[in-house]
């Protein structure tokens, strides 16, 4: 008789179940990601339309990063890679003089 790949013991999860994170954890992670996306979108909108000074712009960008770090501690580098360039592009468009072609 061939051996079964699944354990018949209901107290022992099969291998696939052990490798999969709990659904609650996945839902929580998804919720935090969506919340961060909304905060970054708001920061982008504020930088593009409402912020009047460079200081205010820096405050908005730092606030978005601080919020991200509150949700995902120790992921500052990830924020800098994913969202930093988006925010800086808007900052430069609003507050830095265009460079002349040489």
N, C-alpha and C. Protein backbone atom coordinates (compact mmCIF):
# COMPACT_ATOMS: atom_id res chain seq x y z
N UNK A 1 0.83 -1.17 0.00
CA UNK A 1 0.00 0.00 0.00
C UNK A 1 0.89 1.24 0.00
N UNK A 2 0.55 2.21 -0.86
CA UNK A 2 1.34 3.45 -0.97
C UNK A 2 1.10 4.31 0.25
N UNK A 3 2.16 5.00 0.69
CA UNK A 3 1.98 5.87 1.85
C UNK A 3 1.29 7.16 1.42
N UNK A 4 0.44 7.65 2.31
CA UNK A 4 -0.31 8.87 2.01
C UNK A 4 0.55 10.08 2.32
N UNK A 5 0.40 11.15 1.51
CA UNK A 5 1.18 12.35 1.73
C UNK A 5 0.59 13.21 2.85
N UNK A 6 -0.67 13.06 3.12
CA UNK A 6 -1.33 13.83 4.19
C UNK A 6 -1.40 12.98 5.45
N UNK A 7 -1.19 13.65 6.55
CA UNK A 7 -1.30 12.97 7.83
C UNK A 7 -2.77 12.82 8.18
N UNK A 8 -3.11 11.72 8.78
CA UNK A 8 -4.49 11.50 9.22
C UNK A 8 -4.74 12.13 10.57
N UNK A 9 -3.71 12.62 11.21
CA UNK A 9 -3.85 13.23 12.54
C UNK A 9 -4.40 14.65 12.37
N UNK A 10 -5.60 14.94 12.89
CA UNK A 10 -6.19 16.27 12.71
C UNK A 10 -5.43 17.36 13.45
N UNK A 11 -4.59 16.99 14.43
CA UNK A 11 -3.80 17.98 15.16
C UNK A 11 -2.52 18.38 14.42
N UNK A 12 -2.18 17.63 13.40
CA UNK A 12 -0.97 17.91 12.63
C UNK A 12 -1.35 18.51 11.27
N UNK A 13 -1.05 19.81 11.04
CA UNK A 13 -1.36 20.39 9.73
C UNK A 13 -0.45 19.78 8.66
N UNK A 14 -0.99 19.68 7.46
CA UNK A 14 -0.15 19.16 6.38
C UNK A 14 0.89 20.21 6.00
N UNK A 15 1.85 19.82 5.20
CA UNK A 15 2.98 20.69 4.88
C UNK A 15 2.53 22.00 4.25
N UNK A 16 1.57 21.95 3.36
CA UNK A 16 1.09 23.14 2.68
C UNK A 16 0.51 24.14 3.69
N UNK A 17 -0.23 23.67 4.66
CA UNK A 17 -0.81 24.56 5.67
C UNK A 17 0.26 25.18 6.55
N UNK A 18 1.33 24.45 6.83
CA UNK A 18 2.40 24.98 7.67
C UNK A 18 3.16 26.09 6.96
N UNK A 19 3.27 26.05 5.64
CA UNK A 19 4.02 27.04 4.88
C UNK A 19 3.20 28.31 4.61
N UNK A 20 1.91 28.24 4.68
CA UNK A 20 1.03 29.35 4.37
C UNK A 20 0.80 30.18 5.63
N UNK A 21 0.97 31.53 5.53
CA UNK A 21 0.69 32.36 6.70
C UNK A 21 -0.81 32.34 7.01
N UNK A 22 -1.16 32.57 8.26
CA UNK A 22 -2.59 32.58 8.62
C UNK A 22 -3.35 33.65 7.85
N UNK A 23 -4.60 33.35 7.54
CA UNK A 23 -5.42 34.29 6.76
C UNK A 23 -5.54 35.64 7.46
N UNK A 24 -5.65 35.62 8.77
CA UNK A 24 -5.77 36.87 9.52
C UNK A 24 -4.53 37.74 9.33
N UNK A 25 -3.35 37.14 9.34
CA UNK A 25 -2.11 37.89 9.14
C UNK A 25 -2.04 38.47 7.73
N UNK A 26 -2.49 37.71 6.75
CA UNK A 26 -2.49 38.19 5.37
C UNK A 26 -3.46 39.36 5.22
N UNK A 27 -4.63 39.25 5.82
CA UNK A 27 -5.60 40.35 5.77
C UNK A 27 -5.05 41.61 6.43
N UNK A 28 -4.41 41.44 7.56
CA UNK A 28 -3.82 42.59 8.27
C UNK A 28 -2.72 43.25 7.44
N UNK A 29 -1.87 42.46 6.84
CA UNK A 29 -0.80 42.99 5.99
C UNK A 29 -1.39 43.74 4.80
N UNK A 30 -2.41 43.18 4.18
CA UNK A 30 -3.07 43.82 3.05
C UNK A 30 -3.71 45.14 3.47
N UNK A 31 -4.32 45.15 4.64
CA UNK A 31 -4.93 46.37 5.15
C UNK A 31 -3.88 47.46 5.37
N UNK A 32 -2.75 47.08 5.93
CA UNK A 32 -1.68 48.06 6.17
C UNK A 32 -1.10 48.59 4.86
N UNK A 33 -0.96 47.74 3.87
CA UNK A 33 -0.44 48.17 2.57
C UNK A 33 -1.40 49.16 1.92
N UNK A 34 -2.69 48.85 1.94
CA UNK A 34 -3.67 49.77 1.35
C UNK A 34 -3.69 51.11 2.07
N UNK A 35 -3.58 51.08 3.39
CA UNK A 35 -3.55 52.31 4.16
C UNK A 35 -2.33 53.14 3.78
N UNK A 36 -1.18 52.50 3.66
CA UNK A 36 0.04 53.21 3.26
C UNK A 36 -0.11 53.79 1.85
N UNK A 37 -0.70 53.05 0.94
CA UNK A 37 -0.91 53.55 -0.41
C UNK A 37 -1.78 54.81 -0.40
N UNK A 38 -2.81 54.82 0.44
CA UNK A 38 -3.67 56.01 0.54
C UNK A 38 -2.91 57.20 1.11
N UNK A 39 -2.09 56.96 2.12
CA UNK A 39 -1.31 58.04 2.72
C UNK A 39 -0.31 58.61 1.71
N UNK A 40 0.35 57.76 0.96
CA UNK A 40 1.31 58.24 -0.04
C UNK A 40 0.58 58.99 -1.15
N UNK A 41 -0.57 58.50 -1.58
CA UNK A 41 -1.35 59.21 -2.61
C UNK A 41 -1.76 60.59 -2.10
N UNK A 42 -2.16 60.68 -0.84
CA UNK A 42 -2.51 61.97 -0.26
C UNK A 42 -1.30 62.89 -0.21
N UNK A 43 -0.16 62.35 0.19
CA UNK A 43 1.07 63.15 0.22
C UNK A 43 1.42 63.66 -1.18
N UNK A 44 1.29 62.81 -2.18
CA UNK A 44 1.56 63.23 -3.55
C UNK A 44 0.63 64.36 -3.97
N UNK A 45 -0.64 64.22 -3.65
CA UNK A 45 -1.62 65.24 -4.02
C UNK A 45 -1.31 66.55 -3.30
N UNK A 46 -0.97 66.46 -2.04
CA UNK A 46 -0.64 67.67 -1.28
C UNK A 46 0.61 68.35 -1.86
N UNK A 47 1.63 67.57 -2.19
CA UNK A 47 2.84 68.14 -2.76
C UNK A 47 2.55 68.83 -4.09
N UNK A 48 1.70 68.24 -4.87
CA UNK A 48 1.42 68.76 -6.21
C UNK A 48 0.52 69.99 -6.19
N UNK A 49 -0.35 70.12 -5.18
CA UNK A 49 -1.37 71.17 -5.26
C UNK A 49 -1.46 72.11 -4.07
N UNK A 50 -1.10 71.67 -2.88
CA UNK A 50 -1.40 72.47 -1.70
C UNK A 50 -0.18 73.06 -1.00
N UNK A 51 0.92 72.38 -1.03
CA UNK A 51 2.11 72.81 -0.30
C UNK A 51 2.68 74.08 -0.93
N UNK A 52 3.01 75.06 -0.08
CA UNK A 52 3.49 76.36 -0.57
C UNK A 52 4.99 76.54 -0.45
N UNK A 53 5.63 75.88 0.52
CA UNK A 53 7.06 76.10 0.73
C UNK A 53 7.82 74.77 0.70
N UNK A 54 9.14 74.89 0.54
CA UNK A 54 9.98 73.69 0.58
C UNK A 54 9.89 73.02 1.95
N UNK A 55 9.84 73.83 2.99
CA UNK A 55 9.75 73.27 4.34
C UNK A 55 8.49 72.46 4.54
N UNK A 56 7.37 72.97 4.04
CA UNK A 56 6.12 72.21 4.12
C UNK A 56 6.21 70.92 3.33
N UNK A 57 6.85 70.99 2.17
CA UNK A 57 6.99 69.81 1.33
C UNK A 57 7.81 68.74 2.04
N UNK A 58 8.91 69.14 2.65
CA UNK A 58 9.75 68.19 3.39
C UNK A 58 8.95 67.58 4.55
N UNK A 59 8.16 68.41 5.22
CA UNK A 59 7.33 67.92 6.33
C UNK A 59 6.34 66.87 5.85
N UNK A 60 5.71 67.11 4.70
CA UNK A 60 4.75 66.14 4.15
C UNK A 60 5.46 64.84 3.79
N UNK A 61 6.61 64.94 3.14
CA UNK A 61 7.34 63.73 2.74
C UNK A 61 7.81 62.95 3.96
N UNK A 62 8.34 63.65 4.96
CA UNK A 62 8.79 62.97 6.18
C UNK A 62 7.61 62.37 6.94
N UNK A 63 6.47 63.04 6.92
CA UNK A 63 5.29 62.51 7.57
C UNK A 63 4.83 61.20 6.94
N UNK A 64 4.87 61.14 5.61
CA UNK A 64 4.49 59.91 4.92
C UNK A 64 5.45 58.77 5.29
N UNK A 65 6.75 59.09 5.34
CA UNK A 65 7.72 58.04 5.69
C UNK A 65 7.54 57.61 7.14
N UNK A 66 7.33 58.55 8.04
CA UNK A 66 7.12 58.21 9.45
C UNK A 66 5.89 57.31 9.61
N UNK A 67 4.84 57.61 8.87
CA UNK A 67 3.64 56.79 8.92
C UNK A 67 3.96 55.37 8.44
N UNK A 68 4.71 55.29 7.34
CA UNK A 68 5.09 53.98 6.80
C UNK A 68 5.90 53.19 7.83
N UNK A 69 6.81 53.87 8.50
CA UNK A 69 7.63 53.17 9.50
C UNK A 69 6.79 52.74 10.70
N UNK A 70 5.73 53.48 10.99
CA UNK A 70 4.82 53.06 12.05
C UNK A 70 4.09 51.78 11.69
N UNK A 71 3.76 51.64 10.42
CA UNK A 71 3.07 50.42 9.96
C UNK A 71 4.04 49.27 9.75
N UNK A 72 5.21 49.60 9.20
CA UNK A 72 6.21 48.59 8.84
C UNK A 72 7.57 48.99 9.40
N UNK A 73 7.79 48.76 10.68
CA UNK A 73 9.08 49.11 11.27
C UNK A 73 10.24 48.43 10.53
N UNK A 74 11.33 49.14 10.43
CA UNK A 74 12.56 48.64 9.81
C UNK A 74 12.42 48.44 8.29
N UNK A 75 11.45 49.10 7.68
CA UNK A 75 11.28 49.02 6.23
C UNK A 75 11.51 50.38 5.57
N UNK A 76 12.30 51.22 6.21
CA UNK A 76 12.59 52.54 5.67
C UNK A 76 13.26 52.48 4.31
N UNK A 77 14.17 51.54 4.13
CA UNK A 77 14.84 51.41 2.83
C UNK A 77 13.84 51.06 1.73
N UNK A 78 12.90 50.20 2.06
CA UNK A 78 11.88 49.82 1.08
C UNK A 78 11.04 51.04 0.71
N UNK A 79 10.67 51.85 1.69
CA UNK A 79 9.93 53.08 1.42
C UNK A 79 10.75 53.98 0.48
N UNK A 80 12.04 54.13 0.79
CA UNK A 80 12.90 54.99 -0.03
C UNK A 80 13.00 54.51 -1.47
N UNK A 81 12.96 53.22 -1.67
CA UNK A 81 13.06 52.66 -3.02
C UNK A 81 11.74 52.79 -3.78
N UNK A 82 10.64 52.51 -3.11
CA UNK A 82 9.34 52.48 -3.80
C UNK A 82 8.70 53.86 -3.89
N UNK A 83 8.59 54.55 -2.76
CA UNK A 83 7.84 55.80 -2.72
C UNK A 83 8.70 57.06 -2.77
N UNK A 84 9.93 56.97 -2.31
CA UNK A 84 10.81 58.14 -2.29
C UNK A 84 10.94 58.82 -3.65
N UNK A 85 11.24 58.08 -4.72
CA UNK A 85 11.37 58.71 -6.03
C UNK A 85 10.09 59.40 -6.50
N UNK A 86 8.95 58.84 -6.19
CA UNK A 86 7.68 59.47 -6.59
C UNK A 86 7.51 60.82 -5.91
N UNK A 87 7.77 60.85 -4.61
CA UNK A 87 7.62 62.09 -3.87
C UNK A 87 8.67 63.12 -4.30
N UNK A 88 9.90 62.67 -4.52
CA UNK A 88 10.96 63.60 -4.93
C UNK A 88 10.70 64.16 -6.33
N UNK A 89 10.12 63.39 -7.20
CA UNK A 89 9.81 63.87 -8.55
C UNK A 89 8.84 65.06 -8.47
N UNK A 90 7.84 64.95 -7.64
CA UNK A 90 6.88 66.04 -7.47
C UNK A 90 7.56 67.23 -6.80
N UNK A 91 8.37 66.96 -5.78
CA UNK A 91 9.10 68.03 -5.08
C UNK A 91 9.96 68.82 -6.07
N UNK A 92 10.72 68.10 -6.88
CA UNK A 92 11.61 68.78 -7.84
C UNK A 92 10.81 69.58 -8.86
N UNK A 93 9.71 69.03 -9.31
CA UNK A 93 8.89 69.74 -10.30
C UNK A 93 8.34 71.04 -9.72
N UNK A 94 8.03 71.06 -8.45
CA UNK A 94 7.45 72.26 -7.83
C UNK A 94 8.49 73.25 -7.33
N UNK A 95 9.61 72.78 -6.82
CA UNK A 95 10.49 73.66 -6.07
C UNK A 95 11.90 73.85 -6.64
N UNK A 96 12.27 73.10 -7.64
CA UNK A 96 13.60 73.28 -8.20
C UNK A 96 13.46 73.89 -9.60
N UNK A 97 14.35 74.85 -9.85
CA UNK A 97 14.34 75.51 -11.16
C UNK A 97 14.76 74.51 -12.23
N UNK A 98 14.12 74.57 -13.40
CA UNK A 98 14.51 73.66 -14.48
C UNK A 98 15.94 73.96 -14.93
N UNK A 99 16.68 72.92 -15.21
CA UNK A 99 18.06 73.08 -15.68
C UNK A 99 18.05 73.34 -17.16
N UNK A 100 18.92 74.23 -17.56
CA UNK A 100 19.01 74.55 -18.99
C UNK A 100 19.92 73.54 -19.68
N UNK A 101 19.54 73.15 -20.87
CA UNK A 101 20.35 72.21 -21.66
C UNK A 101 21.60 72.91 -22.14
N UNK A 102 22.75 72.23 -22.05
CA UNK A 102 24.00 72.87 -22.49
C UNK A 102 24.38 72.39 -23.87
